[in-house]
Amino acid sequence: MTELIIDWNQISQIGWEQLLARVENSSFQQAWAYGAIFAQRSIHISRFVIYEGSEPVGMGQIVTRRFFGLIKIALLLRGPVWLREVTTAQKKQALNKIRQRYPLKWLNFFAFSPEEDTGRENYDRENYEKMGFRKIITGYSTVLVNLGQSEDQLWRDLYGKNRTSIRKAEKAGFDVQFGDHRHAQIDWLLSHESKQQKDKKYQGLPVGLVQRYGHASLRDRGVLTAFAIKEGEEMPIAGALFLCHGNCATYHIGWNGKEGRKCNALNLLLWHAILKLKQRGIVTLDLGGVNTEEGADIARFKFGFGGRIVHLPGTFM
């Protein structure tokens, strides 16, 4: 087996984005902009590219945080990102090389959460344990929508009830407006998201970092916002926000007011956003984590867009 070489912190933002665009599925935690917003807060970021000979075969971005002045935890979220199929032996070699960069004797702890689907028929559930890693956090599930399909196929893949909701929303008399992190209503949406996180007791990416993600992205492709606004009014009745990364995007924020819920505004926003993202060349939309027990209503809403459920294996150390 050819020895893999890991090149640390030598790649430019443009080069990083070009590599990331080669994969059909990546997470926003592996976008250059995600690391950049933490680097601005003096949190250490390391980026690596894995080579077999002269060919890049993988990449990853590690966020290292210090606790109590001594302990350092290096976290590789939803990575490494593999640019092509690699063997189990190659994965083991690469991960061991990365772990060597964070020696335990210096109170370094390296943890990673692979971007793999445990629902695949050939997935080996004990694979990473066999490599010498121990699972410390259970994985979660998400929904991925393939935007490489035709618009007709995407429409047919919607659940019937969702198609009915979208048709109802189309008759409600509001416009769908798109923008980015600089849209006039972005503060309105982020304030509702902040309150929503507090009321529903969940924690996402801090709302203050969303606009920084947009500013740190190339080509103004970092953030897509969508708002439902009734004719003659200024304030939206619903809003949604998506983070873009490579050829992929993640549904990050959605808010629906009382009037918006009445006319299914958020259903229409997501459908139009799917078409807008497809138009921009996005091939995979990650609708975000689903929890059928504590968040059954949200899970049903996401399932309604016809994507496939992916079960991630968890975090290993």
C-alpha atoms as a PDB file:
ATOM      1  CA  MET A   1       0.000   0.000   0.000  1.00  0.00           C
ATOM      2  CA  THR A   2       1.318   3.433  -0.960  1.00  0.00           C
ATOM      3  CA  GLU A   3       2.083   5.629   2.034  1.00  0.00           C
ATOM      4  CA  LEU A   4      -0.279   8.564   2.349  1.00  0.00           C
ATOM      5  CA  ILE A   5       1.166  12.037   2.830  1.00  0.00           C
ATOM      6  CA  ILE A   6      -0.667  14.688   4.855  1.00  0.00           C
ATOM      7  CA  ASP A   7       0.001  18.308   3.957  1.00  0.00           C
ATOM      8  CA  TRP A   8      -0.894  20.710   6.776  1.00  0.00           C
ATOM      9  CA  ASN A   9      -2.020  24.320   6.359  1.00  0.00           C
ATOM     10  CA  GLN A  10      -0.544  24.860   2.902  1.00  0.00           C
ATOM     11  CA  ILE A  11      -3.717  25.239   0.853  1.00  0.00           C
ATOM     12  CA  SER A  12      -5.418  28.507  -0.110  1.00  0.00           C
ATOM     13  CA  GLN A  13      -9.118  29.228   0.316  1.00  0.00           C
ATOM     14  CA  ILE A  14      -9.644  28.949  -3.441  1.00  0.00           C
ATOM     15  CA  GLY A  15      -7.819  25.624  -3.549  1.00  0.00           C
ATOM     16  CA  TRP A  16      -9.844  24.361  -0.590  1.00  0.00           C
ATOM     17  CA  GLU A  17     -13.148  25.264  -2.192  1.00  0.00           C
ATOM     18  CA  GLN A  18     -12.115  23.649  -5.470  1.00  0.00           C
ATOM     19  CA  LEU A  19     -11.386  20.356  -3.714  1.00  0.00           C
ATOM     20  CA  LEU A  20     -14.566  20.514  -1.627  1.00  0.00           C
ATOM     21  CA  ALA A  21     -16.613  21.018  -4.796  1.00  0.00           C
ATOM     22  CA  ARG A  22     -15.449  17.607  -6.034  1.00  0.00           C
ATOM     23  CA  VAL A  23     -17.605  15.669  -3.554  1.00  0.00           C
ATOM     24  CA  GLU A  24     -21.356  15.128  -3.719  1.00  0.00           C
ATOM     25  CA  ASN A  25     -21.839  15.496   0.008  1.00  0.00           C
ATOM     26  CA  SER A  26     -19.972  17.677   2.476  1.00  0.00           C
ATOM     27  CA  SER A  27     -20.973  19.492   5.649  1.00  0.00           C
ATOM     28  CA  PHE A  28     -20.732  23.187   6.452  1.00  0.00           C
ATOM     29  CA  GLN A  29     -18.315  22.251   9.271  1.00  0.00           C
ATOM     30  CA  GLN A  30     -15.788  21.494   6.522  1.00  0.00           C
ATOM     31  CA  ALA A  31     -16.280  24.792   4.692  1.00  0.00           C
ATOM     32  CA  TRP A  32     -13.366  27.224   4.805  1.00  0.00           C
ATOM     33  CA  ALA A  33     -15.739  29.889   6.135  1.00  0.00           C
ATOM     34  CA  TYR A  34     -16.648  27.750   9.164  1.00  0.00           C
ATOM     35  CA  GLY A  35     -13.020  27.615  10.206  1.00  0.00           C
ATOM     36  CA  ALA A  36     -12.506  31.279   9.424  1.00  0.00           C
ATOM     37  CA  ILE A  37     -15.193  32.457  11.842  1.00  0.00           C
ATOM     38  CA  PHE A  38     -13.543  30.512  14.668  1.00  0.00           C
ATOM     39  CA  ALA A  39     -10.079  31.731  13.694  1.00  0.00           C
ATOM     40  CA  GLN A  40     -11.392  35.285  14.066  1.00  0.00           C
ATOM     41  CA  ARG A  41     -12.097  34.409  17.720  1.00  0.00           C
ATOM     42  CA  SER A  42      -8.501  33.184  18.222  1.00  0.00           C
ATOM     43  CA  ILE A  43      -9.528  29.513  18.145  1.00  0.00           C
ATOM     44  CA  HIS A  44      -6.891  27.395  16.414  1.00  0.00           C
ATOM     45  CA  ILE A  45      -7.811  25.960  12.998  1.00  0.00           C
ATOM     46  CA  SER A  46      -5.805  23.349  11.106  1.00  0.00           C
ATOM     47  CA  ARG A  47      -6.574  22.269   7.562  1.00  0.00           C
ATOM     48  CA  PHE A  48      -5.037  19.253   5.889  1.00  0.00           C
ATOM     49  CA  VAL A  49      -5.032  17.543   2.513  1.00  0.00           C
ATOM     50  CA  ILE A  50      -4.268  13.829   2.230  1.00  0.00           C
ATOM     51  CA  TYR A  51      -2.262  12.774  -0.831  1.00  0.00           C
ATOM     52  CA  GLU A  52      -1.606   9.420  -2.428  1.00  0.00           C
ATOM     53  CA  GLY A  53       1.399  10.286  -4.544  1.00  0.00           C
ATOM     54  CA  SER A  54       0.469  13.581  -6.172  1.00  0.00           C
ATOM     55  CA  GLU A  55      -3.289  12.918  -6.068  1.00  0.00           C
ATOM     56  CA  PRO A  56      -5.379  14.521  -3.300  1.00  0.00           C
ATOM     57  CA  VAL A  57      -7.669  11.830  -1.862  1.00  0.00           C
ATOM     58  CA  GLY A  58      -8.999  13.481   1.297  1.00  0.00           C
ATOM     59  CA  MET A  59      -9.184  16.686   3.305  1.00  0.00           C
ATOM     60  CA  GLY A  60     -10.329  17.975   6.644  1.00  0.00           C
ATOM     61  CA  GLN A  61     -10.593  20.957   8.946  1.00  0.00           C
ATOM     62  CA  ILE A  62      -9.883  20.618  12.671  1.00  0.00           C
ATOM     63  CA  VAL A  63     -11.026  23.058  15.354  1.00  0.00           C
ATOM     64  CA  THR A  64      -8.863  22.938  18.484  1.00  0.00           C
ATOM     65  CA  ARG A  65     -10.138  24.405  21.723  1.00  0.00           C
ATOM     66  CA  ARG A  66      -8.248  24.799  24.981  1.00  0.00           C
ATOM     67  CA  PHE A  67      -9.826  24.095  28.375  1.00  0.00           C
ATOM     68  CA  PHE A  68      -8.459  25.081  31.809  1.00  0.00           C
ATOM     69  CA  GLY A  69      -5.346  26.408  30.065  1.00  0.00           C
ATOM     70  CA  LEU A  70      -3.872  22.928  29.598  1.00  0.00           C
ATOM     71  CA  ILE A  71      -6.249  20.445  27.978  1.00  0.00           C
ATOM     72  CA  LYS A  72      -6.715  20.745  24.210  1.00  0.00           C
ATOM     73  CA  ILE A  73      -9.491  19.036  22.254  1.00  0.00           C
ATOM     74  CA  ALA A  74      -9.012  18.823  18.486  1.00  0.00           C
ATOM     75  CA  LEU A  75     -12.327  18.102  16.773  1.00  0.00           C
ATOM     76  CA  LEU A  76     -12.742  17.007  13.155  1.00  0.00           C
ATOM     77  CA  LEU A  77     -16.478  17.323  12.496  1.00  0.00           C
ATOM     78  CA  ARG A  78     -17.995  15.232   9.694  1.00  0.00           C
ATOM     79  CA  GLY A  79     -14.613  14.389   8.288  1.00  0.00           C
ATOM     80  CA  PRO A  80     -12.244  13.523   6.812  1.00  0.00           C
ATOM     81  CA  VAL A  81     -13.905  14.361   3.521  1.00  0.00           C
ATOM     82  CA  TRP A  82     -12.833  11.700   1.029  1.00  0.00           C
ATOM     83  CA  LEU A  83     -12.418  12.876  -2.535  1.00  0.00           C
ATOM     84  CA  ARG A  84     -12.647   9.343  -3.893  1.00  0.00           C
ATOM     85  CA  GLU A  85     -13.123   5.805  -2.608  1.00  0.00           C
ATOM     86  CA  VAL A  86     -10.363   4.712  -0.226  1.00  0.00           C
ATOM     87  CA  THR A  87      -9.744   1.433   1.535  1.00  0.00           C
ATOM     88  CA  THR A  88     -10.182   0.760   5.233  1.00  0.00           C
ATOM     89  CA  ALA A  89      -6.399   0.440   5.524  1.00  0.00           C
ATOM     90  CA  GLN A  90      -5.950   3.887   3.975  1.00  0.00           C
ATOM     91  CA  LYS A  91      -8.500   5.410   6.357  1.00  0.00           C
ATOM     92  CA  LYS A  92      -6.692   3.857   9.307  1.00  0.00           C
ATOM     93  CA  GLN A  93      -3.315   5.114   8.072  1.00  0.00           C
ATOM     94  CA  ALA A  94      -4.602   8.667   7.568  1.00  0.00           C
ATOM     95  CA  LEU A  95      -6.410   8.845  10.923  1.00  0.00           C
ATOM     96  CA  ASN A  96      -3.407   7.508  12.816  1.00  0.00           C
ATOM     97  CA  LYS A  97      -1.166  10.095  11.149  1.00  0.00           C
ATOM     98  CA  ILE A  98      -3.608  12.834  12.162  1.00  0.00           C
ATOM     99  CA  ARG A  99      -3.800  11.504  15.723  1.00  0.00           C
ATOM    100  CA  GLN A 100       0.011  11.581  15.982  1.00  0.00           C
ATOM    101  CA  ARG A 101      -0.190  15.347  15.558  1.00  0.00           C
ATOM    102  CA  TYR A 102      -2.138  15.529  18.846  1.00  0.00           C
ATOM    103  CA  PRO A 103      -0.155  13.409  21.364  1.00  0.00           C
ATOM    104  CA  LEU A 104      -1.935  12.499  24.602  1.00  0.00           C
ATOM    105  CA  LYS A 105       1.219  13.067  26.636  1.00  0.00           C
ATOM    106  CA  TRP A 106       0.785  16.772  25.930  1.00  0.00           C
ATOM    107  CA  LEU A 107      -2.885  16.614  26.984  1.00  0.00           C
ATOM    108  CA  ASN A 108      -4.137  16.666  23.399  1.00  0.00           C
ATOM    109  CA  PHE A 109      -7.363  14.826  22.634  1.00  0.00           C
ATOM    110  CA  PHE A 110      -8.246  14.164  19.002  1.00  0.00           C
ATOM    111  CA  ALA A 111     -11.852  13.284  18.098  1.00  0.00           C
ATOM    112  CA  PHE A 112     -13.560  12.900  14.729  1.00  0.00           C
ATOM    113  CA  SER A 113     -17.050  12.171  13.403  1.00  0.00           C
ATOM    114  CA  PRO A 114     -16.889  10.394  10.019  1.00  0.00           C
ATOM    115  CA  GLU A 115     -19.085  11.496   7.127  1.00  0.00           C
ATOM    116  CA  GLU A 116     -20.467   8.023   6.442  1.00  0.00           C
ATOM    117  CA  ASP A 117     -23.892   6.397   6.264  1.00  0.00           C
ATOM    118  CA  THR A 118     -24.259   3.494   8.676  1.00  0.00           C
ATOM    119  CA  GLY A 119     -27.389   2.484   6.798  1.00  0.00           C
ATOM    120  CA  ARG A 120     -25.340   1.257   3.837  1.00  0.00           C
ATOM    121  CA  GLU A 121     -25.551  -2.473   3.348  1.00  0.00           C
ATOM    122  CA  ASN A 122     -21.771  -2.933   3.467  1.00  0.00           C
ATOM    123  CA  TYR A 123     -21.075  -0.607   6.419  1.00  0.00           C
ATOM    124  CA  ASP A 124     -18.966  -2.223   9.135  1.00  0.00           C
ATOM    125  CA  ARG A 125     -20.262  -0.938  12.475  1.00  0.00           C
ATOM    126  CA  GLU A 126     -17.103  -1.996  14.273  1.00  0.00           C
ATOM    127  CA  ASN A 127     -14.751  -0.546  11.669  1.00  0.00           C
ATOM    128  CA  TYR A 128     -13.354   2.356  13.706  1.00  0.00           C
ATOM    129  CA  GLU A 129     -13.162   0.317  16.895  1.00  0.00           C
ATOM    130  CA  LYS A 130     -10.999  -2.157  14.981  1.00  0.00           C
ATOM    131  CA  MET A 131      -8.715   0.758  14.061  1.00  0.00           C
ATOM    132  CA  GLY A 132      -8.224   1.503  17.746  1.00  0.00           C
ATOM    133  CA  PHE A 133     -10.730   4.343  18.192  1.00  0.00           C
ATOM    134  CA  ARG A 134     -13.470   4.423  20.808  1.00  0.00           C
ATOM    135  CA  LYS A 135     -16.946   5.850  20.221  1.00  0.00           C
ATOM    136  CA  ILE A 136     -17.693   8.655  22.674  1.00  0.00           C
ATOM    137  CA  ILE A 137     -20.869  10.174  21.174  1.00  0.00           C
ATOM    138  CA  THR A 138     -23.706   8.394  19.388  1.00  0.00           C
ATOM    139  CA  GLY A 139     -24.364   9.451  15.816  1.00  0.00           C
ATOM    140  CA  TYR A 140     -27.450  11.233  14.568  1.00  0.00           C
ATOM    141  CA  SER A 141     -29.597  11.126  11.452  1.00  0.00           C
ATOM    142  CA  THR A 142     -30.151  13.689   8.735  1.00  0.00           C
ATOM    143  CA  VAL A 143     -32.026  13.964   5.439  1.00  0.00           C
ATOM    144  CA  LEU A 144     -30.229  14.547   2.136  1.00  0.00           C
ATOM    145  CA  VAL A 145     -32.043  15.730  -0.995  1.00  0.00           C
ATOM    146  CA  ASN A 146     -30.438  15.010  -4.370  1.00  0.00           C
ATOM    147  CA  LEU A 147     -30.696  18.257  -6.348  1.00  0.00           C
ATOM    148  CA  GLY A 148     -29.032  16.648  -9.352  1.00  0.00           C
ATOM    149  CA  GLN A 149     -32.443  15.322 -10.371  1.00  0.00           C
ATOM    150  CA  SER A 150     -34.801  17.148 -12.701  1.00  0.00           C
ATOM    151  CA  GLU A 151     -37.307  19.613 -11.275  1.00  0.00           C
ATOM    152  CA  ASP A 152     -40.127  17.242 -12.269  1.00  0.00           C
ATOM    153  CA  GLN A 153     -38.517  14.380 -10.358  1.00  0.00           C
ATOM    154  CA  LEU A 154     -37.922  16.561  -7.293  1.00  0.00           C
ATOM    155  CA  TRP A 155     -41.611  17.511  -7.356  1.00  0.00           C
ATOM    156  CA  ARG A 156     -42.698  13.874  -7.694  1.00  0.00           C
ATOM    157  CA  ASP A 157     -40.459  12.912  -4.761  1.00  0.00           C
ATOM    158  CA  LEU A 158     -42.294  15.295  -2.422  1.00  0.00           C
ATOM    159  CA  TYR A 159     -44.794  13.642  -0.131  1.00  0.00           C
ATOM    160  CA  GLY A 160     -48.343  14.133  -1.408  1.00  0.00           C
ATOM    161  CA  LYS A 161     -49.368  16.161   1.649  1.00  0.00           C
ATOM    162  CA  ASN A 162     -46.395  18.468   1.106  1.00  0.00           C
ATOM    163  CA  ARG A 163     -47.337  19.083  -2.528  1.00  0.00           C
ATOM    164  CA  THR A 164     -50.845  20.007  -1.323  1.00  0.00           C
ATOM    165  CA  SER A 165     -49.371  22.421   1.249  1.00  0.00           C
ATOM    166  CA  ILE A 166     -47.177  24.083  -1.393  1.00  0.00           C
ATOM    167  CA  ARG A 167     -50.127  24.523  -3.769  1.00  0.00           C
ATOM    168  CA  LYS A 168     -52.123  26.066  -0.920  1.00  0.00           C
ATOM    169  CA  ALA A 169     -49.277  28.470  -0.144  1.00  0.00           C
ATOM    170  CA  GLU A 170     -49.061  29.525  -3.799  1.00  0.00           C
ATOM    171  CA  LYS A 171     -52.625  30.856  -3.524  1.00  0.00           C
ATOM    172  CA  ALA A 172     -51.980  32.804  -0.314  1.00  0.00           C
ATOM    173  CA  GLY A 173     -50.773  35.974  -2.016  1.00  0.00           C
ATOM    174  CA  PHE A 174     -47.231  36.510  -0.826  1.00  0.00           C
ATOM    175  CA  ASP A 175     -43.922  36.930  -2.623  1.00  0.00           C
ATOM    176  CA  VAL A 176     -40.760  34.885  -2.099  1.00  0.00           C
ATOM    177  CA  GLN A 177     -37.667  37.079  -1.844  1.00  0.00           C
ATOM    178  CA  PHE A 178     -34.121  35.720  -1.952  1.00  0.00           C
ATOM    179  CA  GLY A 179     -30.955  37.290  -0.642  1.00  0.00           C
ATOM    180  CA  ASP A 180     -27.773  36.512   1.257  1.00  0.00           C
ATOM    181  CA  HIS A 181     -26.328  37.407   4.666  1.00  0.00           C
ATOM    182  CA  ARG A 182     -26.811  41.102   3.838  1.00  0.00           C
ATOM    183  CA  HIS A 183     -30.568  40.944   3.170  1.00  0.00           C
ATOM    184  CA  ALA A 184     -32.582  43.721   4.847  1.00  0.00           C
ATOM    185  CA  GLN A 185     -34.534  41.151   6.899  1.00  0.00           C
ATOM    186  CA  ILE A 186     -31.582  39.070   8.102  1.00  0.00           C
ATOM    187  CA  ASP A 187     -31.634  40.609  11.588  1.00  0.00           C
ATOM    188  CA  TRP A 188     -35.364  39.861  11.811  1.00  0.00           C
ATOM    189  CA  LEU A 189     -34.745  36.188  11.034  1.00  0.00           C
ATOM    190  CA  LEU A 190     -31.743  35.839  13.353  1.00  0.00           C
ATOM    191  CA  SER A 191     -33.626  37.423  16.264  1.00  0.00           C
ATOM    192  CA  HIS A 192     -36.470  34.933  15.794  1.00  0.00           C
ATOM    193  CA  GLU A 193     -33.930  32.088  15.614  1.00  0.00           C
ATOM    194  CA  SER A 194     -32.293  33.258  18.845  1.00  0.00           C
ATOM    195  CA  LYS A 195     -35.653  33.291  20.630  1.00  0.00           C
ATOM    196  CA  GLN A 196     -36.553  29.952  19.052  1.00  0.00           C
ATOM    197  CA  GLN A 197     -33.357  28.343  20.371  1.00  0.00           C
ATOM    198  CA  LYS A 198     -34.090  29.638  23.845  1.00  0.00           C
ATOM    199  CA  ASP A 199     -37.778  28.648  23.858  1.00  0.00           C
ATOM    200  CA  LYS A 200     -37.243  25.172  22.403  1.00  0.00           C
ATOM    201  CA  LYS A 201     -34.011  24.609  24.358  1.00  0.00           C
ATOM    202  CA  TYR A 202     -31.758  23.594  21.516  1.00  0.00           C
ATOM    203  CA  GLN A 203     -28.352  24.930  20.485  1.00  0.00           C
ATOM    204  CA  GLY A 204     -27.263  25.522  16.914  1.00  0.00           C
ATOM    205  CA  LEU A 205     -24.482  27.587  15.404  1.00  0.00           C
ATOM    206  CA  PRO A 206     -24.604  30.878  17.377  1.00  0.00           C
ATOM    207  CA  VAL A 207     -26.750  33.302  15.404  1.00  0.00           C
ATOM    208  CA  GLY A 208     -24.057  35.958  15.546  1.00  0.00           C
ATOM    209  CA  LEU A 209     -21.762  33.760  13.476  1.00  0.00           C
ATOM    210  CA  VAL A 210     -24.119  33.323  10.510  1.00  0.00           C
ATOM    211  CA  GLN A 211     -23.308  36.663   8.927  1.00  0.00           C
ATOM    212  CA  ARG A 212     -19.601  36.087   9.519  1.00  0.00           C
ATOM    213  CA  TYR A 213     -19.929  32.804   7.616  1.00  0.00           C
ATOM    214  CA  GLY A 214     -21.288  34.757   4.662  1.00  0.00           C
ATOM    215  CA  HIS A 215     -18.529  37.365   4.818  1.00  0.00           C
ATOM    216  CA  ALA A 216     -15.838  34.654   4.999  1.00  0.00           C
ATOM    217  CA  SER A 217     -17.159  32.750   1.968  1.00  0.00           C
ATOM    218  CA  LEU A 218     -16.049  33.117  -1.642  1.00  0.00           C
ATOM    219  CA  ARG A 219     -18.179  34.481  -4.475  1.00  0.00           C
ATOM    220  CA  ASP A 220     -21.015  35.505  -2.163  1.00  0.00           C
ATOM    221  CA  ARG A 221     -22.128  31.862  -2.144  1.00  0.00           C
ATOM    222  CA  GLY A 222     -21.922  31.328   1.598  1.00  0.00           C
ATOM    223  CA  VAL A 223     -25.482  32.138   2.662  1.00  0.00           C
ATOM    224  CA  LEU A 224     -28.845  31.980   0.908  1.00  0.00           C
ATOM    225  CA  THR A 225     -31.849  33.553   2.614  1.00  0.00           C
ATOM    226  CA  ALA A 226     -35.502  33.268   1.614  1.00  0.00           C
ATOM    227  CA  PHE A 227     -38.443  35.293   2.944  1.00  0.00           C
ATOM    228  CA  ALA A 228     -42.204  35.113   2.473  1.00  0.00           C
ATOM    229  CA  ILE A 229     -43.621  38.657   2.406  1.00  0.00           C
ATOM    230  CA  LYS A 230     -47.268  39.521   1.839  1.00  0.00           C
ATOM    231  CA  GLU A 231     -48.073  42.145  -0.769  1.00  0.00           C
ATOM    232  CA  GLY A 232     -48.060  45.653   0.673  1.00  0.00           C
ATOM    233  CA  GLU A 233     -46.253  44.624   3.886  1.00  0.00           C
ATOM    234  CA  GLU A 234     -42.639  44.979   4.963  1.00  0.00           C
ATOM    235  CA  MET A 235     -42.199  42.274   7.594  1.00  0.00           C
ATOM    236  CA  PRO A 236     -42.022  38.631   6.501  1.00  0.00           C
ATOM    237  CA  ILE A 237     -44.404  35.942   7.697  1.00  0.00           C
ATOM    238  CA  ALA A 238     -41.713  33.240   7.325  1.00  0.00           C
ATOM    239  CA  GLY A 239     -38.010  32.986   6.650  1.00  0.00           C
ATOM    240  CA  ALA A 240     -35.337  30.387   5.923  1.00  0.00           C
ATOM    241  CA  LEU A 241     -31.544  30.411   5.768  1.00  0.00           C
ATOM    242  CA  PHE A 242     -29.126  28.014   4.072  1.00  0.00           C
ATOM    243  CA  LEU A 243     -25.360  27.655   4.445  1.00  0.00           C
ATOM    244  CA  CYS A 244     -23.544  26.743   1.220  1.00  0.00           C
ATOM    245  CA  HIS A 245     -20.318  24.716   1.105  1.00  0.00           C
ATOM    246  CA  GLY A 246     -18.747  23.323  -2.030  1.00  0.00           C
ATOM    247  CA  ASN A 247     -21.532  21.919  -4.220  1.00  0.00           C
ATOM    248  CA  CYS A 248     -23.702  21.334  -1.162  1.00  0.00           C
ATOM    249  CA  ALA A 249     -25.933  23.348   1.139  1.00  0.00           C
ATOM    250  CA  THR A 250     -27.430  22.900   4.605  1.00  0.00           C
ATOM    251  CA  TYR A 251     -30.875  24.078   5.735  1.00  0.00           C
ATOM    252  CA  HIS A 252     -29.801  25.955   8.838  1.00  0.00           C
ATOM    253  CA  ILE A 253     -32.658  28.176  10.032  1.00  0.00           C
ATOM    254  CA  GLY A 254     -36.388  28.131   9.433  1.00  0.00           C
ATOM    255  CA  TRP A 255     -39.020  30.287  11.106  1.00  0.00           C
ATOM    256  CA  ASN A 256     -42.758  30.360  10.518  1.00  0.00           C
ATOM    257  CA  GLY A 257     -45.074  32.831  12.265  1.00  0.00           C
ATOM    258  CA  LYS A 258     -48.730  32.216  13.071  1.00  0.00           C
ATOM    259  CA  GLU A 259     -49.860  33.635   9.724  1.00  0.00           C
ATOM    260  CA  GLY A 260     -47.109  31.732   7.917  1.00  0.00           C
ATOM    261  CA  ARG A 261     -48.165  28.440   9.480  1.00  0.00           C
ATOM    262  CA  LYS A 262     -51.755  29.089   8.486  1.00  0.00           C
ATOM    263  CA  CYS A 263     -50.847  29.315   4.788  1.00  0.00           C
ATOM    264  CA  ASN A 264     -47.885  26.852   4.798  1.00  0.00           C
ATOM    265  CA  ALA A 265     -45.413  29.594   3.905  1.00  0.00           C
ATOM    266  CA  LEU A 266     -42.339  27.650   5.043  1.00  0.00           C
ATOM    267  CA  ASN A 267     -43.226  24.708   2.783  1.00  0.00           C
ATOM    268  CA  LEU A 268     -43.260  27.021  -0.228  1.00  0.00           C
ATOM    269  CA  LEU A 269     -40.058  28.777   0.867  1.00  0.00           C
ATOM    270  CA  LEU A 270     -38.165  25.502   1.020  1.00  0.00           C
ATOM    271  CA  TRP A 271     -39.498  24.344  -2.329  1.00  0.00           C
ATOM    272  CA  HIS A 272     -38.458  27.592  -4.030  1.00  0.00           C
ATOM    273  CA  ALA A 273     -35.101  27.477  -2.212  1.00  0.00           C
ATOM    274  CA  ILE A 274     -34.509  23.942  -3.520  1.00  0.00           C
ATOM    275  CA  LEU A 275     -35.028  25.209  -7.063  1.00  0.00           C
ATOM    276  CA  LYS A 276     -32.818  28.263  -6.450  1.00  0.00           C
ATOM    277  CA  LEU A 277     -30.002  26.140  -5.013  1.00  0.00           C
ATOM    278  CA  LYS A 278     -30.297  23.706  -7.920  1.00  0.00           C
ATOM    279  CA  GLN A 279     -30.041  26.656 -10.317  1.00  0.00           C
ATOM    280  CA  ARG A 280     -26.826  27.732  -8.569  1.00  0.00           C
ATOM    281  CA  GLY A 281     -25.244  24.323  -9.094  1.00  0.00           C
ATOM    282  CA  ILE A 282     -25.832  22.821  -5.653  1.00  0.00           C
ATOM    283  CA  VAL A 283     -26.127  19.030  -5.961  1.00  0.00           C
ATOM    284  CA  THR A 284     -26.975  17.994  -2.380  1.00  0.00           C
ATOM    285  CA  LEU A 285     -29.156  19.699   0.224  1.00  0.00           C
ATOM    286  CA  ASP A 286     -28.743  18.591   3.843  1.00  0.00           C
ATOM    287  CA  LEU A 287     -32.010  19.307   5.648  1.00  0.00           C
ATOM    288  CA  GLY A 288     -30.323  18.951   9.024  1.00  0.00           C
ATOM    289  CA  GLY A 289     -30.656  16.519  11.880  1.00  0.00           C
ATOM    290  CA  VAL A 290     -33.926  14.703  12.540  1.00  0.00           C
ATOM    291  CA  ASN A 291     -35.167  13.359  15.857  1.00  0.00           C
ATOM    292  CA  THR A 292     -38.398  11.379  15.519  1.00  0.00           C
ATOM    293  CA  GLU A 293     -38.968  11.363  19.295  1.00  0.00           C
ATOM    294  CA  GLU A 294     -38.285  14.863  20.637  1.00  0.00           C
ATOM    295  CA  GLY A 295     -38.752  16.670  17.309  1.00  0.00           C
ATOM    296  CA  ALA A 296     -41.360  14.572  15.535  1.00  0.00           C
ATOM    297  CA  ASP A 297     -43.117  17.522  13.861  1.00  0.00           C
ATOM    298  CA  ILE A 298     -39.859  18.921  12.472  1.00  0.00           C
ATOM    299  CA  ALA A 299     -38.808  15.458  11.319  1.00  0.00           C
ATOM    300  CA  ARG A 300     -42.106  14.956   9.451  1.00  0.00           C
ATOM    301  CA  PHE A 301     -41.688  18.357   7.817  1.00  0.00           C
ATOM    302  CA  LYS A 302     -38.201  17.434   6.552  1.00  0.00           C
ATOM    303  CA  PHE A 303     -39.243  13.954   5.436  1.00  0.00           C
ATOM    304  CA  GLY A 304     -41.911  15.634   3.322  1.00  0.00           C
ATOM    305  CA  PHE A 305     -39.244  16.831   0.882  1.00  0.00           C
ATOM    306  CA  GLY A 306     -38.465  13.310  -0.239  1.00  0.00           C
ATOM    307  CA  GLY A 307     -34.788  13.013   0.602  1.00  0.00           C
ATOM    308  CA  ARG A 308     -32.998   9.926   1.842  1.00  0.00           C
ATOM    309  CA  ILE A 309     -32.261   9.395   5.522  1.00  0.00           C
ATOM    310  CA  VAL A 310     -28.581   9.089   6.396  1.00  0.00           C
ATOM    311  CA  HIS A 311     -27.451   7.710   9.755  1.00  0.00           C
ATOM    312  CA  LEU A 312     -24.050   9.057  10.816  1.00  0.00           C
ATOM    313  CA  PRO A 313     -21.827   6.796  12.932  1.00  0.00           C
ATOM    314  CA  GLY A 314     -21.027   9.216  15.754  1.00  0.00           C
ATOM    315  CA  THR A 315     -17.858  10.682  17.257  1.00  0.00           C
ATOM    316  CA  PHE A 316     -14.721   8.658  17.940  1.00  0.00           C
ATOM    317  CA  MET A 317     -11.600   9.369  19.976  1.00  0.00           C
END
